[in-house]
């Protein structure tokens, strides 16, 4: 039956393509838009610290109807992986299309132009093609929340305009509950069920300002970066979103009793070295509720953006990209929270792309794609879809084939890394590097000196059984093969360029 359906789909698609060829003007057949009206817009939506806690990624608890409808009208990459699970490095990598070892950005302080001053960023590439480029909210690292309302740690050449909303969530910080008072609220489990409306919150203002720019620019091609701050800590959202997730429905993730016995110490982030920060279960369940509340709050703002595209009659000519800068832990592996790990939950993050009908292809698939892709693929994908020039030597490749056929041959892998500072567990800084294939995840710390991990996702999707501890002959072969591929893309060495240990 499946072969019959596939054959029918191919025939149907060929008919669509042939009809489009007969009706298309010469400029479209040439594969490159030639005037302002034919250039697709780009709506580039970034979310801070969002795990795959979305309905379209299989989370049965999440209430995310708007992101789910975007996924239903585009392709949701179910296995997309960031390059370094920390805000500044991952965003710099996405925006330059280069890996961390090329831009030498591993902490929250270093700017990518310190290493690659002449880099042409993704929005710059669109500017050079005649686009208006704007940012509202957080796209590059923003030193959140202290810099809300300012340009902060940004890249001025990337934008023609920047807008930095500051909502009542910033003014109400004294009301925020901090479960770890010794930490700043930006790094602690902290939350607030806020009074007031969505539009009063910073992220509500981000959506409002972005819609205004779309309205102003609807007749000219634009690249619009829209960066939401939640669900980054502190978890702040209007109270109605908390009410969507009753505490009695919250659960902490399962971990075997001996889960940590075969995990190297370096695998645990330095800011979360003990299980659950030592907090009790009722507090952790409240934090889980608050996180999901923020996810639904952001979902509502995404819905406002999608509705605006329809209202302005520009949806069909706008490429929509939705991504989170990295994954996020909510208690996995007996109490890991937040980011900075090379486990699946830290390395994997949402990525949804809806191509524009005005792009050079005439047929785009919809639905999930389970091929392995990387965030460095975002840059070449967007320039490819828009038919504009991209710099040479980008690290990724265009996902265009998967947007046409999510099941096409791909042979993908993903490389993620993170730098650990010296602490009471590690006598010196240690680089961790991980490679994910369709079946396996292989990770080594300090080129293996501080630990090695191998997980078989066919039999162990929770990454509970480290096959590298006592590897059999097959596991040794897998380790040798994956280590050789990993070293092609990440050296595993501590960088000689500057980094701030306090900001890793």
Protein backbone atom coordinates (compact mmCIF):
# COMPACT_ATOMS: atom_id res chain seq x y z
CA UNK A 1 0.00 0.00 0.00
CA UNK A 2 2.80 2.46 0.91
CA UNK A 3 4.46 2.02 -2.50
CA UNK A 4 1.15 2.75 -4.24
CA UNK A 5 0.67 5.89 -2.17
CA UNK A 6 4.24 7.01 -2.85
CA UNK A 7 3.86 6.43 -6.58
CA UNK A 8 0.63 8.36 -6.62
CA UNK A 9 2.23 11.22 -4.73
CA UNK A 10 5.12 11.36 -7.19
CA UNK A 11 2.76 11.47 -10.16
CA UNK A 12 0.70 14.18 -8.48
CA UNK A 13 3.78 16.23 -7.72
CA UNK A 14 5.04 15.89 -11.30
CA UNK A 15 1.74 17.21 -12.59
CA UNK A 16 2.02 20.23 -10.28
CA UNK A 17 5.59 20.88 -11.37
CA UNK A 18 4.78 20.56 -15.10
CA UNK A 19 1.81 22.89 -14.78
CA UNK A 20 3.95 25.42 -12.89
CA UNK A 21 6.62 25.25 -15.60
CA UNK A 22 4.06 25.95 -18.32
CA UNK A 23 2.63 28.90 -16.42
CA UNK A 24 5.81 30.34 -14.92
CA UNK A 25 7.49 33.48 -16.28
CA UNK A 26 11.08 33.21 -17.51
CA UNK A 27 12.51 34.84 -14.36
CA UNK A 28 11.05 32.12 -12.15
CA UNK A 29 12.28 29.37 -14.47
CA UNK A 30 15.76 30.79 -14.14
CA UNK A 31 15.67 29.87 -10.45
CA UNK A 32 16.40 33.33 -9.04
CA UNK A 33 13.94 36.10 -8.12
CA UNK A 34 14.65 39.25 -10.10
CA UNK A 35 12.36 41.89 -8.61
CA UNK A 36 11.15 42.97 -5.21
CA UNK A 37 7.73 41.38 -5.57
CA UNK A 38 9.21 37.96 -6.41
CA UNK A 39 11.70 37.89 -3.53
CA UNK A 40 10.32 35.89 -0.60
CA UNK A 41 10.32 37.54 2.79
CA UNK A 42 11.90 35.76 5.75
CA UNK A 43 10.27 35.67 9.18
CA UNK A 44 13.03 34.33 11.43
CA UNK A 45 11.60 33.37 14.83
CA UNK A 46 14.03 32.49 17.63
CA UNK A 47 12.97 31.23 21.06
CA UNK A 48 15.27 31.20 24.07
CA UNK A 49 15.85 27.91 25.95
CA UNK A 50 12.98 26.02 24.33
CA UNK A 51 13.21 22.23 24.53
CA UNK A 52 11.17 19.99 22.24
CA UNK A 53 8.26 20.54 24.63
CA UNK A 54 5.80 21.06 21.79
CA UNK A 55 2.80 19.11 20.62
CA UNK A 56 4.29 18.72 17.15
CA UNK A 57 7.35 17.09 18.73
CA UNK A 58 5.26 14.54 20.59
CA UNK A 59 4.95 16.23 23.98
CA UNK A 60 1.50 15.21 25.22
CA UNK A 61 1.49 17.81 27.99
CA UNK A 62 2.36 20.90 25.93
CA UNK A 63 -0.42 23.12 24.65
CA UNK A 64 1.09 24.75 21.60
CA UNK A 65 -1.60 25.01 18.91
CA UNK A 66 0.07 27.83 16.97
CA UNK A 67 3.52 26.30 16.66
CA UNK A 68 1.79 23.02 15.85
CA UNK A 69 -0.12 24.62 12.97
CA UNK A 70 3.11 26.09 11.64
CA UNK A 71 4.61 22.59 11.74
CA UNK A 72 1.56 21.20 9.94
CA UNK A 73 2.03 23.70 7.10
CA UNK A 74 5.82 23.25 6.87
CA UNK A 75 8.46 20.70 7.80
CA UNK A 76 9.31 20.06 11.45
CA UNK A 77 12.82 18.68 11.79
CA UNK A 78 12.38 16.21 14.61
CA UNK A 79 16.09 15.60 15.01
CA UNK A 80 17.79 18.96 14.65
CA UNK A 81 20.88 19.71 16.75
CA UNK A 82 22.62 22.88 17.85
CA UNK A 83 26.39 23.35 17.79
CA UNK A 84 26.91 24.45 21.40
CA UNK A 85 24.14 24.46 24.05
CA UNK A 86 24.71 27.95 25.41
CA UNK A 87 23.06 31.15 24.17
CA UNK A 88 25.93 33.19 22.73
CA UNK A 89 27.90 30.41 20.99
CA UNK A 90 24.90 28.72 19.40
CA UNK A 91 23.42 31.98 18.11
CA UNK A 92 26.77 33.13 16.73
CA UNK A 93 27.08 29.78 14.95
CA UNK A 94 23.60 29.98 13.42
CA UNK A 95 24.05 33.55 12.26
CA UNK A 96 27.49 33.00 10.69
CA UNK A 97 26.86 29.46 9.45
CA UNK A 98 30.17 28.43 11.05
CA UNK A 99 31.11 25.96 13.78
CA UNK A 100 32.38 27.01 17.21
CA UNK A 101 35.94 25.94 16.44
CA UNK A 102 35.94 28.33 13.46
CA UNK A 103 34.55 31.39 15.23
CA UNK A 104 36.15 30.44 18.59
CA UNK A 105 33.09 31.41 20.59
CA UNK A 106 32.46 29.17 23.61
CA UNK A 107 31.30 31.55 26.36
CA UNK A 108 28.77 34.34 26.87
CA UNK A 109 31.31 37.16 26.42
CA UNK A 110 33.29 36.63 23.23
CA UNK A 111 31.98 38.17 20.00
CA UNK A 112 32.38 36.18 16.80
CA UNK A 113 33.88 39.19 15.00
CA UNK A 114 36.89 39.00 17.30
CA UNK A 115 37.88 35.91 15.31
CA UNK A 116 36.14 36.44 11.95
CA UNK A 117 35.79 40.23 11.60
CA UNK A 118 34.73 40.07 7.95
CA UNK A 119 32.07 37.40 8.37
CA UNK A 120 28.92 37.98 6.33
CA UNK A 121 26.08 37.09 8.65
CA UNK A 122 22.79 35.62 7.52
CA UNK A 123 20.88 38.94 7.61
CA UNK A 124 23.83 40.67 5.93
CA UNK A 125 23.59 38.23 3.03
CA UNK A 126 19.96 39.27 2.64
CA UNK A 127 20.86 42.95 2.91
CA UNK A 128 23.35 42.51 0.08
CA UNK A 129 20.51 41.04 -2.01
CA UNK A 130 18.39 44.16 -1.48
CA UNK A 131 16.43 43.14 1.60
CA UNK A 132 15.44 45.30 4.55
CA UNK A 133 16.85 43.61 7.65
CA UNK A 134 15.42 44.18 11.13
CA UNK A 135 15.57 42.62 14.56
CA UNK A 136 13.01 42.77 17.36
CA UNK A 137 14.08 41.19 20.65
CA UNK A 138 16.84 38.63 21.10
CA UNK A 139 18.56 37.10 18.08
CA UNK A 140 22.21 37.34 19.00
CA UNK A 141 23.12 36.91 22.65
CA UNK A 142 21.55 39.71 24.58
CA UNK A 143 22.83 39.39 28.17
CA UNK A 144 19.26 38.74 29.22
CA UNK A 145 17.56 39.94 31.31
CA UNK A 146 19.78 42.88 32.26
CA UNK A 147 19.96 44.25 28.72
CA UNK A 148 16.25 44.19 27.89
CA UNK A 149 15.53 47.56 26.35
CA UNK A 150 19.03 48.02 24.88
CA UNK A 151 20.96 46.66 21.91
CA UNK A 152 23.21 44.83 24.36
CA UNK A 153 25.54 42.22 22.88
CA UNK A 154 24.46 42.44 19.25
CA UNK A 155 25.99 42.77 15.76
CA UNK A 156 25.16 46.19 14.26
CA UNK A 157 26.17 45.33 10.66
CA UNK A 158 23.46 42.67 10.59
CA UNK A 159 20.52 45.06 10.86
CA UNK A 160 18.99 48.11 9.25
CA UNK A 161 16.81 48.52 12.32
CA UNK A 162 16.70 47.14 15.86
CA UNK A 163 13.85 47.30 18.35
CA UNK A 164 14.36 46.41 22.02
CA UNK A 165 11.09 46.18 23.93
CA UNK A 166 11.04 46.28 27.70
CA UNK A 167 7.86 45.07 29.39
CA UNK A 168 6.43 44.84 32.86
CA UNK A 169 8.23 41.53 33.47
CA UNK A 170 11.38 43.60 33.89
CA UNK A 171 9.65 46.06 36.21
CA UNK A 172 8.09 43.21 38.24
CA UNK A 173 11.35 41.38 38.94
CA UNK A 174 11.01 42.03 42.68
CA UNK A 175 7.89 39.81 42.63
CA UNK A 176 9.70 36.81 41.13
CA UNK A 177 10.08 33.74 43.34
CA UNK A 178 13.66 32.43 43.33
CA UNK A 179 14.05 28.82 44.47
CA UNK A 180 17.82 29.35 44.65
CA UNK A 181 18.37 32.78 46.24
CA UNK A 182 22.15 32.43 46.01
CA UNK A 183 21.85 32.60 42.20
CA UNK A 184 20.72 35.46 40.00
CA UNK A 185 17.19 34.92 38.69
CA UNK A 186 18.54 34.64 35.14
CA UNK A 187 20.34 31.41 36.05
CA UNK A 188 18.14 30.04 38.84
CA UNK A 189 14.88 28.15 38.87
CA UNK A 190 12.70 31.22 39.33
CA UNK A 191 9.23 32.18 38.19
CA UNK A 192 6.24 34.50 38.34
CA UNK A 193 2.59 34.00 37.42
CA UNK A 194 2.18 37.59 36.27
CA UNK A 195 -0.75 39.92 36.33
CA UNK A 196 -1.75 41.85 33.24
CA UNK A 197 -2.02 41.03 29.56
CA UNK A 198 0.26 39.33 27.08
CA UNK A 199 0.93 42.63 25.36
CA UNK A 200 2.40 44.13 28.55
CA UNK A 201 5.10 41.47 28.75
CA UNK A 202 8.35 41.92 26.85
CA UNK A 203 7.58 39.00 24.53
CA UNK A 204 4.11 40.38 23.85
CA UNK A 205 5.72 43.69 22.92
CA UNK A 206 8.19 41.81 20.69
CA UNK A 207 5.29 40.37 18.72
CA UNK A 208 3.52 43.73 18.52
CA UNK A 209 6.60 45.53 17.21
CA UNK A 210 7.37 42.77 14.73
CA UNK A 211 3.85 42.97 13.32
CA UNK A 212 4.24 46.73 12.91
CA UNK A 213 7.43 46.22 10.90
CA UNK A 214 5.77 43.60 8.71
CA UNK A 215 2.95 46.04 8.03
CA UNK A 216 5.40 48.82 7.14
CA UNK A 217 7.53 46.60 4.90
CA UNK A 218 4.87 44.41 3.28
CA UNK A 219 5.55 45.84 -0.17
CA UNK A 220 9.33 45.35 -0.02
CA UNK A 221 11.32 42.18 0.73
CA UNK A 222 12.33 41.86 4.36
CA UNK A 223 14.37 39.65 6.65
CA UNK A 224 12.80 40.03 10.08
CA UNK A 225 14.40 38.44 13.12
CA UNK A 226 11.94 38.04 15.98
CA UNK A 227 13.54 36.87 19.21
CA UNK A 228 11.45 35.81 22.21
CA UNK A 229 13.05 35.79 25.67
CA UNK A 230 10.95 33.07 27.29
CA UNK A 231 11.03 30.34 28.41
CA UNK A 232 14.50 31.45 29.56
CA UNK A 233 14.66 31.93 33.33
CA UNK A 234 13.02 33.59 35.11
CA UNK A 235 9.90 31.79 33.93
CA UNK A 236 7.48 34.72 33.69
CA UNK A 237 4.13 34.55 31.92
CA UNK A 238 0.60 35.80 32.57
CA UNK A 239 -1.22 33.73 35.17
CA UNK A 240 -3.69 32.26 32.67
CA UNK A 241 -0.88 30.19 31.16
CA UNK A 242 0.02 28.74 34.57
CA UNK A 243 -3.63 27.74 34.96
CA UNK A 244 -3.32 25.62 31.81
CA UNK A 245 -0.94 23.27 33.66
CA UNK A 246 -2.33 22.15 37.05
CA UNK A 247 0.40 21.10 39.46
CA UNK A 248 -1.23 17.68 39.96
CA UNK A 249 -0.59 16.95 36.26
CA UNK A 250 3.13 17.69 36.50
CA UNK A 251 5.65 14.83 36.68
CA UNK A 252 9.42 14.63 36.86
CA UNK A 253 11.12 12.53 34.16
CA UNK A 254 12.06 8.92 34.82
CA UNK A 255 15.64 7.95 35.53
CA UNK A 256 16.96 4.51 36.57
CA UNK A 257 18.27 4.37 40.12
CA UNK A 258 21.84 3.87 38.86
CA UNK A 259 21.57 6.31 35.96
CA UNK A 260 24.58 8.42 36.96
CA UNK A 261 26.92 5.50 37.71
CA UNK A 262 28.25 5.24 34.14
CA UNK A 263 28.25 8.97 33.27
CA UNK A 264 31.56 10.90 33.43
CA UNK A 265 31.65 13.79 35.90
CA UNK A 266 32.41 16.23 33.07
CA UNK A 267 29.10 15.36 31.41
CA UNK A 268 27.25 17.25 34.15
CA UNK A 269 27.25 21.01 33.79
CA UNK A 270 29.26 22.94 36.35
CA UNK A 271 26.20 25.03 37.25
CA UNK A 272 24.13 21.89 38.00
CA UNK A 273 26.60 19.40 39.52
CA UNK A 274 24.19 17.85 42.04
CA UNK A 275 20.77 16.33 41.32
CA UNK A 276 17.94 18.85 41.08
CA UNK A 277 20.04 21.58 42.73
CA UNK A 278 19.12 19.85 45.99
CA UNK A 279 15.53 21.13 45.72
CA UNK A 280 12.49 19.14 46.83
CA UNK A 281 9.94 17.63 44.47
CA UNK A 282 7.09 20.14 45.08
CA UNK A 283 9.43 23.00 44.15
CA UNK A 284 10.61 21.18 41.04
CA UNK A 285 7.04 20.54 39.94
CA UNK A 286 6.26 24.24 40.30
CA UNK A 287 9.29 25.02 38.15
CA UNK A 288 8.05 22.53 35.54
CA UNK A 289 4.62 24.17 35.56
CA UNK A 290 6.18 27.60 35.12
CA UNK A 291 8.34 26.42 32.23
CA UNK A 292 5.37 24.98 30.35
CA UNK A 293 3.38 28.13 31.06
CA UNK A 294 6.09 30.15 29.32
CA UNK A 295 6.09 27.75 26.37
CA UNK A 296 2.36 28.30 25.87
CA UNK A 297 2.79 32.06 26.31
CA UNK A 298 5.42 32.13 23.55
CA UNK A 299 3.17 29.91 21.41
CA UNK A 300 0.43 32.54 21.65
CA UNK A 301 2.85 35.23 20.43
CA UNK A 302 3.91 33.04 17.52
CA UNK A 303 0.23 32.71 16.68
CA UNK A 304 -0.07 36.49 16.52
CA UNK A 305 2.81 36.61 14.00
CA UNK A 306 1.28 33.89 11.83
CA UNK A 307 -2.12 35.59 11.90
CA UNK A 308 -0.48 38.88 10.87
CA UNK A 309 1.09 37.22 7.82
CA UNK A 310 -2.39 36.11 6.76
CA UNK A 311 -4.01 39.46 7.54
CA UNK A 312 -1.35 41.32 5.55
CA UNK A 313 -1.73 38.85 2.67
CA UNK A 314 1.99 38.03 2.64
CA UNK A 315 1.96 34.50 4.08
CA UNK A 316 2.39 32.82 0.71
CA UNK A 317 5.47 34.88 -0.06
CA UNK A 318 7.15 34.55 3.34
CA UNK A 319 9.57 31.87 4.44
CA UNK A 320 8.96 31.16 8.13
CA UNK A 321 11.73 29.70 10.27
CA UNK A 322 11.13 28.73 13.88
CA UNK A 323 14.02 27.60 16.06
CA UNK A 324 15.27 27.49 19.62
CA UNK A 325 18.89 28.26 20.36
CA UNK A 326 19.43 24.90 22.09
CA UNK A 327 17.66 22.20 24.05
CA UNK A 328 16.80 22.23 27.73
CA UNK A 329 16.67 19.84 30.67
CA UNK A 330 13.72 19.54 33.03
CA UNK A 331 15.18 17.00 35.44
CA UNK A 332 16.42 14.21 33.18
CA UNK A 333 19.25 11.90 34.27
CA UNK A 334 18.24 12.14 37.91
CA UNK A 335 18.08 15.88 38.14
CA UNK A 336 19.75 17.79 35.27
CA UNK A 337 18.17 21.21 34.70
CA UNK A 338 18.62 23.88 32.05
CA UNK A 339 21.36 23.60 29.38
CA UNK A 340 25.12 23.10 28.86
CA UNK A 341 25.01 19.33 28.32
CA UNK A 342 25.74 17.03 25.39
CA UNK A 343 22.89 14.68 26.14
CA UNK A 344 20.01 14.47 23.68
CA UNK A 345 17.91 16.94 25.67
CA UNK A 346 20.62 19.61 25.53
CA UNK A 347 21.80 19.08 21.96
CA UNK A 348 18.41 18.61 20.27
CA UNK A 349 16.12 21.57 19.73
CA UNK A 350 13.06 22.53 17.65
CA UNK A 351 13.50 23.61 14.03
CA UNK A 352 10.52 24.24 11.74
CA UNK A 353 10.73 25.68 8.23
CA UNK A 354 7.83 26.66 6.01
CA UNK A 355 9.00 27.60 2.54
CA UNK A 356 7.25 30.34 0.60
CA UNK A 357 5.04 29.48 -2.34
CA UNK A 358 6.93 32.15 -4.25
CA UNK A 359 10.26 30.36 -3.78
CA UNK A 360 11.88 28.80 -6.80
CA UNK A 361 10.42 25.33 -6.24
CA UNK A 362 6.71 24.81 -6.85
CA UNK A 363 6.08 21.97 -4.42
CA UNK A 364 6.96 21.80 -0.74
CA UNK A 365 6.23 18.92 1.56
CA UNK A 366 4.57 19.23 4.94
CA UNK A 367 4.96 17.16 8.08
CA UNK A 368 7.79 15.77 10.20
CA UNK A 369 11.30 15.00 8.98
CA UNK A 370 13.36 12.53 11.01
CA UNK A 371 16.66 12.95 9.24
CA UNK A 372 19.61 14.26 11.30
CA UNK A 373 20.23 17.96 10.60
CA UNK A 374 22.32 20.70 12.23
CA UNK A 375 21.73 24.34 13.01
CA UNK A 376 24.60 25.33 10.70
CA UNK A 377 22.27 24.13 7.93
CA UNK A 378 19.87 27.02 8.54
CA UNK A 379 22.00 29.69 6.82
CA UNK A 380 22.55 27.86 3.48
CA UNK A 381 18.92 26.71 3.48
CA UNK A 382 17.52 30.24 3.64
CA UNK A 383 19.84 31.70 1.04
CA UNK A 384 19.04 28.74 -1.22
CA UNK A 385 15.29 29.18 -0.80
CA UNK A 386 15.52 32.90 -1.50
CA UNK A 387 17.82 32.43 -4.48
CA UNK A 388 20.52 34.73 -3.13
CA UNK A 389 24.27 34.38 -2.85
CA UNK A 390 25.82 32.83 0.25
CA UNK A 391 29.44 33.02 1.41
CA UNK A 392 31.75 30.17 0.52
CA UNK A 393 32.89 27.71 3.18
CA UNK A 394 29.69 27.63 5.24
CA UNK A 395 29.76 24.61 7.52
CA UNK A 396 26.28 23.32 6.74
CA UNK A 397 24.27 22.39 3.68
CA UNK A 398 20.88 23.38 2.36
CA UNK A 399 17.89 21.46 3.70
CA UNK A 400 16.00 22.14 0.49
CA UNK A 401 15.88 18.45 -0.53
CA UNK A 402 14.24 17.57 2.80
CA UNK A 403 11.72 20.39 2.40
CA UNK A 404 10.67 18.76 -0.86
CA UNK A 405 10.85 15.18 0.45
CA UNK A 406 11.43 14.69 4.20
CA UNK A 407 12.26 11.03 3.58
CA UNK A 408 14.89 11.50 0.88
CA UNK A 409 18.39 10.02 1.23
CA UNK A 410 20.41 12.28 3.52
CA UNK A 411 23.16 10.54 5.52
CA UNK A 412 23.21 13.28 8.12
CA UNK A 413 25.13 13.66 11.35
CA UNK A 414 25.35 16.43 13.93
CA UNK A 415 28.26 17.72 16.00
CA UNK A 416 27.70 19.52 19.31
CA UNK A 417 30.33 20.63 21.80
CA UNK A 418 30.68 22.49 25.09
CA UNK A 419 33.61 23.85 27.11
CA UNK A 420 33.79 23.13 30.84
CA UNK A 421 35.71 25.44 33.21
CA UNK A 422 38.06 24.11 35.86
CA UNK A 423 36.24 23.48 39.15
CA UNK A 424 36.35 21.12 42.10
CA UNK A 425 35.69 18.21 39.72
CA UNK A 426 38.06 19.18 36.90
CA UNK A 427 41.62 20.37 37.50
CA UNK A 428 41.68 22.17 34.15
CA UNK A 429 39.21 23.27 31.47
CA UNK A 430 37.84 20.39 29.40
CA UNK A 431 36.24 20.42 25.96
CA UNK A 432 33.42 17.99 25.38
CA UNK A 433 32.47 16.97 21.84
CA UNK A 434 29.57 14.81 20.67
CA UNK A 435 28.45 13.40 17.34
CA UNK A 436 24.93 12.16 16.68
CA UNK A 437 24.07 9.82 13.83
CA UNK A 438 20.79 8.18 12.97
CA UNK A 439 21.45 5.45 15.53
CA UNK A 440 24.22 6.48 17.92
CA UNK A 441 25.50 9.31 20.07
CA UNK A 442 29.23 9.30 20.79
CA UNK A 443 30.73 11.82 23.23
CA UNK A 444 34.23 12.31 24.56
CA UNK A 445 35.53 14.69 27.20
CA UNK A 446 39.04 16.11 26.90
CA UNK A 447 39.69 13.87 23.86
CA UNK A 448 38.70 10.91 26.03
CA UNK A 449 40.91 11.69 29.02
CA UNK A 450 37.92 12.73 31.13
CA UNK A 451 35.41 10.19 29.90
CA UNK A 452 33.73 8.63 26.88
CA UNK A 453 30.06 7.92 26.21
CA UNK A 454 28.29 5.84 23.59
CA UNK A 455 24.51 5.46 23.45
CA UNK A 456 22.50 3.31 21.05
CA UNK A 457 19.26 5.17 20.35
CA UNK A 458 17.74 2.11 18.73
CA UNK A 459 17.60 0.33 22.09
CA UNK A 460 18.25 3.19 24.52
CA UNK A 461 16.58 6.50 23.49
CA UNK A 462 16.90 7.80 27.06
CA UNK A 463 20.70 7.47 26.95
CA UNK A 464 20.75 5.42 30.14
CA UNK A 465 23.27 2.72 29.15
CA UNK A 466 26.78 3.99 28.37
CA UNK A 467 28.20 1.33 26.05
CA UNK A 468 31.67 2.91 26.22
CA UNK A 469 32.23 1.84 29.83
CA UNK A 470 32.86 -1.81 28.94
CA UNK A 471 32.59 -1.88 25.15
CA UNK A 472 32.19 -5.12 23.23
CA UNK A 473 33.80 -5.59 19.82
CA UNK A 474 30.91 -3.94 17.94
CA UNK A 475 30.85 -0.94 20.29
CA UNK A 476 34.60 -0.49 19.84
CA UNK A 477 34.16 -0.44 16.07
CA UNK A 478 31.38 2.15 16.40
CA UNK A 479 33.53 4.28 18.72
CA UNK A 480 36.51 4.20 16.34
CA UNK A 481 34.35 5.14 13.37
CA UNK A 482 32.48 7.93 15.12
CA UNK A 483 35.59 9.38 16.77
CA UNK A 484 37.26 9.68 13.36
CA UNK A 485 34.25 11.56 11.95
CA UNK A 486 33.92 13.75 15.03
CA UNK A 487 37.54 14.91 14.87
CA UNK A 488 36.95 16.24 11.34
CA UNK A 489 34.56 18.84 12.73
CA UNK A 490 35.61 19.49 16.35
CA UNK A 491 39.19 19.25 17.59
CA UNK A 492 38.28 18.41 21.17
CA UNK A 493 41.03 20.69 22.45
CA UNK A 494 40.69 23.61 24.83
CA UNK A 495 40.98 26.79 22.71
CA UNK A 496 44.03 29.03 22.82
CA UNK A 497 41.80 32.05 22.18
CA UNK A 498 40.33 33.93 25.17
CA UNK A 499 37.32 32.66 27.08
CA UNK A 500 35.78 33.64 30.40
CA UNK A 501 35.53 30.63 32.75
CA UNK A 502 32.82 32.39 34.76
CA UNK A 503 30.69 32.75 31.61
CA UNK A 504 30.92 29.24 30.15
